[in-house]
Amino acid sequence: MAARVTITLPEDVLDRLDTIAREEGVARSEVVREAAAHYLTAHATRAEADARKHAVDDGIVWLEGLAMSGSAAPGVDSLAVLRELRGDEAAGTPLEHDGRRSERRR
């Protein structure tokens, strides 16, 4: 279902939209719909990237705390643990921690 929307745009933006619509052979509203869809996709992508960055930052803080506490398990690759925390596909198989297998986040 589509809804009708009224918006106000600067003349130069409207001129650019009309030029693109003419070049593409589509209606102005199609150009606006496509631009809005691209904007929404970019916004979601930025939000996902921010969430991943926060997860990595949290992992780094956790690893630093573990290293400072002296309780890090010998032989545990901290980079592999960080990759596991952020869900990096390059992490490989689930890691062994204290004799237990951890599940990778998906």
Protein backbone atom coordinates (compact mmCIF):
# COMPACT_ATOMS: atom_id res chain seq x y z
CA MET A 1 0.00 0.00 0.00
CA ALA A 2 1.32 3.44 -0.87
CA ALA A 3 0.63 6.72 0.88
CA ARG A 4 0.64 10.18 -0.64
CA VAL A 5 3.11 12.59 0.99
CA THR A 6 3.59 16.30 0.46
CA ILE A 7 7.11 17.63 0.96
CA THR A 8 8.86 20.94 0.38
CA LEU A 9 12.21 20.84 -1.40
CA PRO A 10 14.65 23.55 -2.42
CA GLU A 11 14.35 24.39 -6.12
CA ASP A 12 17.86 23.16 -6.92
CA VAL A 13 17.08 19.75 -5.37
CA LEU A 14 13.81 19.55 -7.29
CA ASP A 15 15.63 20.47 -10.52
CA ARG A 16 18.16 17.70 -9.91
CA LEU A 17 15.39 15.18 -9.20
CA ASP A 18 13.60 16.19 -12.40
CA THR A 19 16.82 15.86 -14.42
CA ILE A 20 17.43 12.36 -13.07
CA ALA A 21 13.80 11.38 -13.69
CA ARG A 22 14.02 12.61 -17.27
CA GLU A 23 17.36 10.83 -17.87
CA GLU A 24 16.03 7.59 -16.37
CA GLY A 25 12.64 7.87 -18.06
CA VAL A 26 10.74 7.54 -14.78
CA ALA A 27 8.42 9.73 -12.75
CA ARG A 28 9.81 12.14 -10.17
CA SER A 29 8.06 10.15 -7.44
CA GLU A 30 10.02 7.03 -8.45
CA VAL A 31 13.30 8.93 -8.02
CA VAL A 32 12.18 10.15 -4.59
CA ARG A 33 11.08 6.61 -3.57
CA GLU A 34 14.42 5.17 -4.66
CA ALA A 35 16.35 7.95 -2.88
CA ALA A 36 14.36 7.32 0.31
CA ALA A 37 15.02 3.57 0.07
CA HIS A 38 18.76 4.19 -0.35
CA TYR A 39 18.76 6.54 2.62
CA LEU A 40 16.97 4.01 4.82
CA THR A 41 19.37 1.25 3.78
CA ALA A 42 22.39 3.45 4.52
CA HIS A 43 20.93 4.38 7.90
CA ALA A 44 20.39 0.72 8.82
CA THR A 45 23.90 -0.16 7.64
CA ARG A 46 25.40 2.60 9.82
CA ALA A 47 23.37 1.39 12.82
CA GLU A 48 24.59 -2.19 12.30
CA ALA A 49 28.20 -0.98 11.98
CA ASP A 50 27.84 1.04 15.18
CA ALA A 51 26.46 -2.01 17.00
CA ARG A 52 29.40 -4.13 15.78
CA LYS A 53 31.88 -1.44 16.85
CA HIS A 54 30.33 -1.30 20.32
CA ALA A 55 30.52 -5.11 20.58
CA VAL A 56 34.19 -5.04 19.58
CA ASP A 57 34.89 -2.21 22.02
CA ASP A 58 33.18 -4.18 24.79
CA GLY A 59 35.27 -7.22 23.84
CA ILE A 60 38.47 -5.20 24.00
CA VAL A 61 37.56 -3.85 27.43
CA TRP A 62 36.77 -7.39 28.59
CA LEU A 63 40.04 -8.74 27.21
CA GLU A 64 42.04 -5.91 28.77
CA GLY A 65 40.36 -6.59 32.11
CA LEU A 66 41.11 -10.28 31.76
CA ALA A 67 44.75 -9.57 30.96
CA MET A 68 45.09 -7.18 33.91
CA SER A 69 43.49 -9.62 36.33
CA GLY A 70 46.06 -12.25 35.46
CA SER A 71 43.32 -14.84 35.09
CA ALA A 72 43.64 -15.32 31.33
CA ALA A 73 43.79 -18.98 30.49
CA PRO A 74 47.17 -20.02 29.11
CA GLY A 75 47.08 -20.76 25.42
CA VAL A 76 43.88 -18.79 24.73
CA ASP A 77 44.32 -16.61 21.67
CA SER A 78 42.82 -13.25 22.67
CA LEU A 79 42.43 -12.18 19.03
CA ALA A 80 40.42 -15.33 18.32
CA VAL A 81 38.25 -14.61 21.35
CA LEU A 82 37.65 -11.06 20.12
CA ARG A 83 36.73 -12.35 16.66
CA GLU A 84 34.32 -14.77 18.29
CA LEU A 85 32.73 -11.99 20.33
CA ARG A 86 32.11 -9.85 17.27
CA GLY A 87 30.85 -12.79 15.19
CA ASP A 88 33.66 -12.57 12.66
CA GLU A 89 33.42 -15.41 10.14
CA ALA A 90 37.23 -15.54 10.08
CA ALA A 91 37.15 -16.76 13.68
CA GLY A 92 37.01 -20.36 12.50
CA THR A 93 35.66 -23.05 14.76
CA PRO A 94 34.30 -22.33 18.23
CA LEU A 95 37.06 -21.78 20.77
CA GLU A 96 37.85 -23.85 23.83
CA HIS A 97 37.50 -21.91 27.09
CA ASP A 98 38.22 -23.70 30.37
CA GLY A 99 37.45 -27.06 28.78
CA ARG A 100 34.02 -25.95 27.53
CA ARG A 101 33.11 -25.21 23.93
CA SER A 102 31.56 -21.82 23.40
CA GLU A 103 28.95 -21.11 20.79
CA ARG A 104 29.71 -18.41 18.28
CA ARG A 105 27.15 -15.62 18.04
CA ARG A 106 25.24 -15.44 14.79
